[in-house]
Amino acid sequence: MDFEAIRVDGFPIDAELIDAGNVGPDLAAAMHVYLATPRALVWRNPSPDWKLFVVLLPLASRLSLMANPIFSQLVRDWGHTIRFVGVDRDQCVHDFRSLLTDATLRKLVDALARWLHEAGPRESDGLPARAAEAATLDVLFAALGDAMLTILEARRDDWGRHLAREHRLEPGEPGSLFDRASRYPDFLAQLRHALRHELLDVATYGRVLRSIDLREAAAEQRAAALIEGTLEPVTLVKLGRTRAGRHLGCYNWLLTNPRHAAQRAHVLGRLPLFAQCFADTLIDASPRRRSGLVAAAEHDARSAFLPDIARESLRQAIDSGQDRWAIEALAAHFGVQHNVLRALWRHCPSALQAPPTWHLKQILLRLNELPERVWPRDDSGWLQLASRSVPAAAG
């Protein structure tokens, strides 16, 4: 097992910002936390069943408050922005955010506090002590064990419910796994405070923002490359031809049934607007056959994941490879006319990206009310229709 902490790169401007005599003690302390906090904790091959664990961390800027039990809500809010990704030996991607309980988050806060303390105020690269690395490692493995994600054969059936169904692997894209906006809001607030109080001039403030963009993008690219390097390459190629981007939910959808991956990629290529819907609705979470499980146990486990009739009908239509059947099944699933799906099949707007399933349904219902001749003709028109569809349906 190999452990790695992905950190941001150093820039020449860092020396100015960690000097308390130059920018004040508050901003200097915030800059130290910014540089020392790892952006991702990576474990390669943590067990024979897992190829990769990646924990994406927000900035640990309020550790002094979060360490106090009175401010437990701060810990929960901070934990909501953590991303915990696992890639199993079958190269499926899992989302383990639901495993981060209050107790686990509390342990992780304590481990990060030791990490930052060991980094010291002069170590801008944030290199942690071995003890801090071991503490963080123990926390994460304890979290996996508590959620029954162990290597025991009898507990494998729980993995399916953690399959990733959202997020894209491309940094900077809508719905990206790397949510930069929620990563360091406190640090940006400290920078703005320093600018207002003339501790920073406008030119220096601009240099700091540019350095943030460059170093965060580099860290995100490294983390994305590590995850992508463990995924199934043929499935990634099929996904790349669909215009849906590196959507982790769609990747799992294609990978979990290789026999029908080509048919699924074809439908996804015609309707990239439905990417999130396909991931939410059609991923088969039933356990796949694994060595060491008796047939009776496998049958009992599958019975808990039997889909409803409507979902199974939609899955069969898409997997059939027949365009007409797929279009009619999707129209019936959303309760719209076939012509709405046929029009989108011919020209699916890219401006809407891949909206959540509930929003997609409202958009389709709105289109169902309009003749095709008055549908939007440009990106701005589609965006306006999407923004108006939900209030119209709610009213």
Protein backbone atom coordinates (compact mmCIF):
# COMPACT_ATOMS: atom_id res chain seq x y z
CA MET A 1 0.00 0.00 0.00
CA ASP A 2 1.32 3.44 -0.99
CA PHE A 3 0.16 6.66 0.63
CA GLU A 4 0.43 10.11 -0.92
CA ALA A 5 -0.84 13.54 0.07
CA ILE A 6 -1.44 15.89 -2.85
CA ARG A 7 -0.59 19.47 -1.90
CA VAL A 8 -0.61 22.75 -3.76
CA ASP A 9 2.60 24.00 -5.32
CA GLY A 10 4.63 26.82 -3.83
CA PHE A 11 4.83 30.25 -5.47
CA PRO A 12 7.26 33.15 -4.89
CA ILE A 13 4.45 35.25 -3.45
CA ASP A 14 4.03 32.80 -0.57
CA ALA A 15 7.01 34.27 1.31
CA GLU A 16 5.21 37.63 1.50
CA LEU A 17 1.96 36.13 2.70
CA ILE A 18 3.36 34.00 5.54
CA ASP A 19 5.23 36.99 6.99
CA ALA A 20 3.05 38.22 9.85
CA GLY A 21 4.95 41.52 9.95
CA ASN A 22 4.01 42.14 6.34
CA VAL A 23 0.35 41.07 6.12
CA GLY A 24 -0.69 40.69 9.76
CA PRO A 25 -1.01 37.58 11.93
CA ASP A 26 -4.50 36.57 10.77
CA LEU A 27 -3.70 36.38 7.07
CA ALA A 28 -0.29 34.80 7.77
CA ALA A 29 -1.96 32.06 9.82
CA ALA A 30 -4.62 31.56 7.13
CA MET A 31 -1.91 31.30 4.49
CA HIS A 32 -0.09 28.66 6.50
CA VAL A 33 -3.29 26.61 6.71
CA TYR A 34 -3.88 27.10 2.99
CA LEU A 35 -0.43 25.78 2.11
CA ALA A 36 -0.30 23.00 4.70
CA THR A 37 -3.75 21.47 4.17
CA PRO A 38 -3.52 18.55 1.74
CA ARG A 39 -5.97 18.76 -1.13
CA ALA A 40 -6.22 14.99 -1.45
CA LEU A 41 -5.19 11.94 0.54
CA VAL A 42 -4.44 9.02 -1.77
CA TRP A 43 -4.00 5.34 -0.95
CA ARG A 44 -2.94 3.08 -3.81
CA ASN A 45 -3.85 -0.59 -3.46
CA PRO A 46 -5.01 -0.34 0.18
CA SER A 47 -6.25 -3.95 0.03
CA PRO A 48 -6.57 -6.73 -2.55
CA ASP A 49 -10.14 -5.63 -3.20
CA TRP A 50 -9.46 -1.93 -3.70
CA LYS A 51 -7.18 -0.25 -6.21
CA LEU A 52 -7.48 3.29 -4.92
CA PHE A 53 -8.90 5.44 -2.14
CA VAL A 54 -8.97 9.23 -2.62
CA VAL A 55 -10.22 11.69 -0.01
CA LEU A 56 -10.64 15.27 -1.30
CA LEU A 57 -10.43 17.73 1.58
CA PRO A 58 -11.65 21.33 1.94
CA LEU A 59 -9.39 23.85 3.62
CA ALA A 60 -8.96 23.16 7.34
CA SER A 61 -9.27 26.83 8.25
CA ARG A 62 -11.52 26.46 11.33
CA LEU A 63 -9.82 23.57 13.10
CA SER A 64 -9.38 25.56 16.30
CA LEU A 65 -13.15 25.98 16.51
CA MET A 66 -14.06 22.54 15.16
CA ALA A 67 -11.93 20.89 17.85
CA ASN A 68 -14.41 22.25 20.44
CA PRO A 69 -17.45 19.96 20.89
CA ILE A 70 -19.67 23.04 21.17
CA PHE A 71 -19.15 23.75 17.47
CA SER A 72 -20.16 20.30 16.20
CA GLN A 73 -22.27 21.90 13.45
CA LEU A 74 -19.10 23.39 11.99
CA VAL A 75 -17.68 19.89 11.72
CA ARG A 76 -20.79 18.67 9.90
CA ASP A 77 -20.76 21.61 7.50
CA TRP A 78 -17.08 21.02 6.79
CA GLY A 79 -17.71 17.31 6.28
CA HIS A 80 -20.39 17.98 3.67
CA THR A 81 -17.71 19.27 1.30
CA ILE A 82 -15.43 16.21 1.68
CA ARG A 83 -15.33 13.76 -1.22
CA PHE A 84 -14.38 10.14 -0.52
CA VAL A 85 -13.82 8.11 -3.70
CA GLY A 86 -12.88 4.44 -3.96
CA VAL A 87 -12.05 2.32 -7.02
CA ASP A 88 -12.48 -1.41 -6.52
CA ARG A 89 -10.60 -4.21 -8.22
CA ASP A 90 -13.30 -4.39 -10.91
CA GLN A 91 -12.57 -0.70 -11.62
CA CYS A 92 -15.98 0.56 -10.50
CA VAL A 93 -16.01 3.98 -8.82
CA HIS A 94 -17.61 4.31 -5.38
CA ASP A 95 -18.74 7.37 -3.45
CA PHE A 96 -18.26 6.91 0.29
CA ARG A 97 -19.51 10.28 1.58
CA SER A 98 -22.30 8.57 3.49
CA LEU A 99 -19.70 6.73 5.57
CA LEU A 100 -18.38 9.93 7.10
CA THR A 101 -20.33 9.94 10.36
CA ASP A 102 -19.98 12.60 13.05
CA ALA A 103 -17.57 10.39 14.98
CA THR A 104 -15.45 9.79 11.88
CA LEU A 105 -15.35 13.49 11.06
CA ARG A 106 -14.33 14.29 14.62
CA LYS A 107 -11.42 11.85 14.37
CA LEU A 108 -10.44 13.29 11.00
CA VAL A 109 -10.45 16.84 12.43
CA ASP A 110 -8.17 15.72 15.26
CA ALA A 111 -5.83 13.99 12.81
CA LEU A 112 -5.64 17.08 10.58
CA ALA A 113 -4.98 19.28 13.59
CA ARG A 114 -1.95 17.12 14.41
CA TRP A 115 -0.97 17.23 10.73
CA LEU A 116 -0.96 21.03 10.61
CA HIS A 117 0.76 21.30 13.98
CA GLU A 118 3.57 19.02 12.84
CA ALA A 119 3.91 21.00 9.60
CA GLY A 120 5.05 24.01 11.63
CA PRO A 121 4.71 27.66 10.66
CA ARG A 122 7.89 27.68 8.57
CA GLU A 123 7.22 24.59 6.47
CA SER A 124 5.29 26.03 3.56
CA ASP A 125 5.05 22.66 1.85
CA GLY A 126 3.07 21.27 4.78
CA LEU A 127 5.06 18.03 5.08
CA PRO A 128 3.44 16.05 7.91
CA ALA A 129 5.06 13.85 10.46
CA ARG A 130 4.82 10.08 10.07
CA ALA A 131 2.66 9.92 13.18
CA ALA A 132 0.12 12.30 11.66
CA GLU A 133 0.02 10.25 8.44
CA ALA A 134 -0.62 7.08 10.44
CA ALA A 135 -3.38 8.76 12.47
CA THR A 136 -5.22 9.90 9.35
CA LEU A 137 -4.79 6.48 7.79
CA ASP A 138 -6.26 4.78 10.87
CA VAL A 139 -9.28 7.12 10.80
CA LEU A 140 -10.17 6.31 7.23
CA PHE A 141 -9.78 2.58 7.62
CA ALA A 142 -11.92 2.72 10.75
CA ALA A 143 -14.59 4.52 8.72
CA LEU A 144 -14.57 1.80 6.09
CA GLY A 145 -14.79 -0.94 8.69
CA ASP A 146 -17.70 0.70 10.48
CA ALA A 147 -19.63 0.86 7.22
CA MET A 148 -19.03 -2.81 6.47
CA LEU A 149 -16.66 -2.13 3.57
CA THR A 150 -14.18 -4.76 4.63
CA ILE A 151 -12.50 -7.52 2.70
CA LEU A 152 -14.77 -10.11 4.27
CA GLU A 153 -16.62 -12.00 1.55
CA ALA A 154 -19.91 -11.95 3.45
CA ARG A 155 -20.06 -8.14 3.40
CA ARG A 156 -19.40 -7.46 -0.27
CA ASP A 157 -23.10 -7.12 -1.07
CA ASP A 158 -23.18 -3.66 0.49
CA TRP A 159 -20.85 -2.17 -2.11
CA GLY A 160 -23.49 -1.63 -4.78
CA ARG A 161 -25.35 1.09 -2.90
CA HIS A 162 -22.15 3.18 -2.80
CA LEU A 163 -21.54 3.19 -6.56
CA ALA A 164 -20.86 6.75 -7.72
CA ARG A 165 -23.83 8.22 -9.56
CA GLU A 166 -22.87 11.87 -9.92
CA HIS A 167 -19.89 14.18 -10.44
CA ARG A 168 -17.63 14.58 -13.42
CA LEU A 169 -13.91 13.97 -13.40
CA GLU A 170 -13.05 17.13 -15.36
CA PRO A 171 -11.87 19.97 -13.08
CA GLY A 172 -13.68 23.26 -13.57
CA GLU A 173 -16.76 21.76 -15.23
CA PRO A 174 -20.29 22.02 -13.78
CA GLY A 175 -20.85 19.14 -11.41
CA SER A 176 -17.13 18.44 -11.12
CA LEU A 177 -15.81 16.17 -8.40
CA PHE A 178 -13.49 19.04 -7.50
CA ASP A 179 -15.79 21.70 -6.08
CA ARG A 180 -13.37 24.61 -5.78
CA ALA A 181 -15.98 27.12 -4.60
CA SER A 182 -16.55 25.28 -1.32
CA ARG A 183 -12.90 24.47 -0.68
CA TYR A 184 -11.49 27.69 0.76
CA PRO A 185 -14.17 30.39 1.33
CA ASP A 186 -12.59 31.44 4.66
CA PHE A 187 -9.22 32.03 3.05
CA LEU A 188 -10.75 34.23 0.35
CA ALA A 189 -12.59 36.16 3.06
CA GLN A 190 -9.27 36.79 4.83
CA LEU A 191 -7.76 38.05 1.57
CA ARG A 192 -10.65 40.45 1.00
CA HIS A 193 -10.39 41.65 4.60
CA ALA A 194 -6.68 42.33 4.12
CA LEU A 195 -7.42 44.24 0.90
CA ARG A 196 -10.07 46.40 2.57
CA HIS A 197 -7.71 47.24 5.42
CA GLU A 198 -4.85 47.99 3.01
CA LEU A 199 -2.68 45.13 4.22
CA LEU A 200 -2.58 44.07 0.58
CA ASP A 201 -2.58 46.34 -2.46
CA VAL A 202 -4.69 45.59 -5.51
CA ALA A 203 -1.74 44.29 -7.55
CA THR A 204 -0.71 41.84 -4.83
CA TYR A 205 -4.31 40.73 -4.36
CA GLY A 206 -4.53 39.95 -8.07
CA ARG A 207 -1.27 38.00 -7.96
CA VAL A 208 -2.58 35.93 -5.06
CA LEU A 209 -5.82 35.10 -6.90
CA ARG A 210 -3.90 34.08 -10.03
CA SER A 211 -1.60 31.88 -7.97
CA ILE A 212 -4.63 30.24 -6.33
CA ASP A 213 -6.15 29.41 -9.72
CA LEU A 214 -2.89 27.95 -11.02
CA ARG A 215 -2.01 25.85 -8.01
CA GLU A 216 -5.55 24.56 -7.41
CA ALA A 217 -5.88 23.58 -11.07
CA ALA A 218 -2.57 21.70 -10.92
CA ALA A 219 -3.61 19.80 -7.77
CA GLU A 220 -6.98 18.93 -9.30
CA GLN A 221 -5.32 17.66 -12.47
CA ARG A 222 -3.01 15.42 -10.45
CA ALA A 223 -5.89 13.95 -8.45
CA ALA A 224 -8.01 13.47 -11.60
CA ALA A 225 -5.12 11.73 -13.36
CA LEU A 226 -4.65 9.35 -10.43
CA ILE A 227 -8.33 8.39 -10.47
CA GLU A 228 -8.52 8.11 -14.25
CA GLY A 229 -5.40 5.93 -14.30
CA THR A 230 -7.21 3.23 -12.31
CA LEU A 231 -10.35 3.18 -14.49
CA GLU A 232 -11.14 0.78 -17.30
CA PRO A 233 -9.65 2.31 -20.50
CA VAL A 234 -12.09 0.84 -23.04
CA THR A 235 -15.07 2.12 -21.06
CA LEU A 236 -13.43 5.56 -20.84
CA VAL A 237 -13.01 5.61 -24.62
CA LYS A 238 -16.68 4.74 -25.13
CA LEU A 239 -17.68 7.39 -22.63
CA GLY A 240 -15.47 9.98 -24.32
CA ARG A 241 -17.36 9.52 -27.58
CA THR A 242 -20.74 10.33 -26.03
CA ARG A 243 -20.37 14.09 -25.36
CA ALA A 244 -21.29 13.38 -21.73
CA GLY A 245 -17.73 13.94 -20.54
CA ARG A 246 -16.06 11.83 -17.86
CA HIS A 247 -19.26 11.46 -15.85
CA LEU A 248 -18.54 8.95 -13.09
CA GLY A 249 -22.14 7.78 -12.87
CA CYS A 250 -22.30 7.09 -16.60
CA TYR A 251 -18.91 5.38 -16.42
CA ASN A 252 -20.31 2.97 -13.82
CA TRP A 253 -23.44 2.51 -15.90
CA LEU A 254 -21.40 1.40 -18.92
CA LEU A 255 -18.94 -0.67 -16.91
CA THR A 256 -21.42 -2.69 -14.85
CA ASN A 257 -22.79 -4.42 -17.96
CA PRO A 258 -20.06 -4.76 -20.62
CA ARG A 259 -22.36 -6.79 -22.91
CA HIS A 260 -24.61 -3.76 -23.39
CA ALA A 261 -22.03 -1.00 -23.01
CA ALA A 262 -22.04 -0.21 -26.75
CA GLN A 263 -25.84 0.18 -26.85
CA ARG A 264 -25.81 2.33 -23.71
CA ALA A 265 -23.02 4.52 -25.08
CA HIS A 266 -24.99 4.96 -28.31
CA VAL A 267 -28.09 6.22 -26.47
CA LEU A 268 -25.97 8.41 -24.21
CA GLY A 269 -24.24 9.87 -27.26
CA ARG A 270 -27.59 10.85 -28.74
CA LEU A 271 -28.97 12.16 -25.43
CA PRO A 272 -26.11 13.53 -23.28
CA LEU A 273 -28.74 15.70 -21.61
CA PHE A 274 -29.95 12.50 -19.86
CA ALA A 275 -26.54 11.56 -18.40
CA GLN A 276 -27.48 12.15 -14.76
CA CYS A 277 -30.87 10.52 -15.25
CA PHE A 278 -29.30 7.36 -16.66
CA ALA A 279 -26.84 7.22 -13.76
CA ASP A 280 -29.54 7.80 -11.13
CA THR A 281 -32.10 5.44 -12.62
CA LEU A 282 -30.35 2.64 -14.47
CA ILE A 283 -27.19 1.70 -12.58
CA ASP A 284 -27.55 -1.90 -11.53
CA ALA A 285 -26.51 -2.03 -7.89
CA SER A 286 -26.96 -5.77 -7.57
CA PRO A 287 -23.81 -7.61 -6.52
CA ARG A 288 -21.80 -9.32 -9.22
CA ARG A 289 -20.51 -12.86 -8.87
CA ARG A 290 -17.36 -13.10 -6.79
CA SER A 291 -15.25 -16.04 -5.75
CA GLY A 292 -15.94 -17.43 -2.32
CA LEU A 293 -19.68 -16.69 -2.21
CA VAL A 294 -22.07 -19.58 -2.28
CA ALA A 295 -24.86 -19.54 -4.85
CA ALA A 296 -27.60 -19.32 -2.25
CA ALA A 297 -26.07 -16.23 -0.66
CA GLU A 298 -25.79 -14.55 -4.07
CA HIS A 299 -29.46 -15.25 -4.81
CA ASP A 300 -30.59 -13.79 -1.51
CA ALA A 301 -28.48 -10.66 -2.06
CA ARG A 302 -29.84 -10.08 -5.56
CA SER A 303 -33.41 -10.24 -4.34
CA ALA A 304 -32.82 -7.11 -2.25
CA PHE A 305 -31.87 -5.10 -5.35
CA LEU A 306 -34.67 -6.12 -7.72
CA PRO A 307 -35.68 -2.99 -9.70
CA ASP A 308 -39.26 -1.98 -10.24
CA ILE A 309 -41.00 -2.95 -13.44
CA ALA A 310 -40.83 0.51 -15.04
CA ARG A 311 -37.10 0.84 -14.44
CA GLU A 312 -36.43 -2.65 -15.79
CA SER A 313 -38.50 -1.90 -18.90
CA LEU A 314 -36.50 1.25 -19.56
CA ARG A 315 -33.24 -0.62 -19.05
CA GLN A 316 -34.29 -3.37 -21.47
CA ALA A 317 -35.32 -0.83 -24.11
CA ILE A 318 -31.98 0.98 -23.98
CA ASP A 319 -29.98 -2.25 -23.91
CA SER A 320 -31.87 -3.60 -26.91
CA GLY A 321 -29.99 -1.38 -29.34
CA GLN A 322 -33.24 -0.36 -31.05
CA ASP A 323 -33.54 3.42 -31.28
CA ARG A 324 -37.32 3.46 -31.66
CA TRP A 325 -37.89 1.29 -28.59
CA ALA A 326 -35.49 3.40 -26.52
CA ILE A 327 -37.22 6.64 -27.57
CA GLU A 328 -40.69 5.32 -26.80
CA ALA A 329 -39.59 3.91 -23.43
CA LEU A 330 -38.00 7.22 -22.40
CA ALA A 331 -41.10 9.12 -23.48
CA ALA A 332 -43.29 6.81 -21.42
CA HIS A 333 -40.95 7.05 -18.45
CA PHE A 334 -41.22 10.86 -18.35
CA GLY A 335 -44.85 11.06 -19.47
CA VAL A 336 -44.24 13.10 -22.64
CA GLN A 337 -45.02 12.59 -26.31
CA HIS A 338 -42.70 10.54 -28.48
CA ASN A 339 -42.02 13.56 -30.69
CA VAL A 340 -40.29 15.37 -27.81
CA LEU A 341 -37.74 12.58 -27.48
CA ARG A 342 -37.38 12.24 -31.26
CA ALA A 343 -36.58 15.94 -31.59
CA LEU A 344 -33.99 15.75 -28.81
CA TRP A 345 -32.60 12.58 -30.38
CA ARG A 346 -31.95 14.52 -33.59
CA HIS A 347 -30.50 17.56 -31.84
CA CYS A 348 -29.75 17.46 -28.12
CA PRO A 349 -28.78 20.92 -26.77
CA SER A 350 -25.37 21.05 -25.13
CA ALA A 351 -26.08 24.24 -23.18
CA LEU A 352 -28.08 22.40 -20.52
CA GLN A 353 -25.21 20.04 -19.65
CA ALA A 354 -26.66 17.13 -17.59
CA PRO A 355 -29.29 18.52 -15.18
CA PRO A 356 -30.53 16.52 -12.18
CA THR A 357 -33.25 14.01 -12.94
CA TRP A 358 -36.00 16.07 -11.28
CA HIS A 359 -35.03 19.14 -13.32
CA LEU A 360 -34.77 17.15 -16.55
CA LYS A 361 -38.33 15.95 -16.06
CA GLN A 362 -39.60 19.50 -15.67
CA ILE A 363 -37.73 20.57 -18.81
CA LEU A 364 -39.25 17.71 -20.79
CA LEU A 365 -42.74 18.51 -19.51
CA ARG A 366 -42.23 22.12 -20.55
CA LEU A 367 -41.09 21.05 -24.03
CA ASN A 368 -44.09 18.76 -24.24
CA GLU A 369 -46.36 21.80 -23.92
CA LEU A 370 -44.65 23.68 -26.76
CA PRO A 371 -44.70 23.01 -30.50
CA GLU A 372 -41.25 22.13 -31.79
CA ARG A 373 -41.22 25.18 -34.07
CA VAL A 374 -41.05 27.50 -31.03
CA TRP A 375 -38.34 25.59 -29.20
CA PRO A 376 -35.17 27.58 -28.43
CA ARG A 377 -32.63 27.93 -31.22
CA ASP A 378 -29.56 28.98 -29.27
CA ASP A 379 -27.83 28.32 -25.95
CA SER A 380 -29.28 31.33 -24.19
CA GLY A 381 -32.78 30.30 -25.17
CA TRP A 382 -32.29 26.81 -23.77
CA LEU A 383 -30.94 28.20 -20.52
CA GLN A 384 -33.94 30.50 -20.19
CA LEU A 385 -36.32 27.60 -20.83
CA ALA A 386 -34.57 25.52 -18.15
CA SER A 387 -34.78 28.34 -15.61
CA ARG A 388 -38.47 28.89 -16.29
CA SER A 389 -39.55 25.26 -16.41
CA VAL A 390 -39.41 24.60 -12.67
CA PRO A 391 -41.42 27.67 -11.54
CA ALA A 392 -44.00 26.95 -14.24
CA ALA A 393 -44.38 23.36 -13.05
CA ALA A 394 -44.45 24.41 -9.40
CA GLY A 395 -47.13 26.96 -10.05
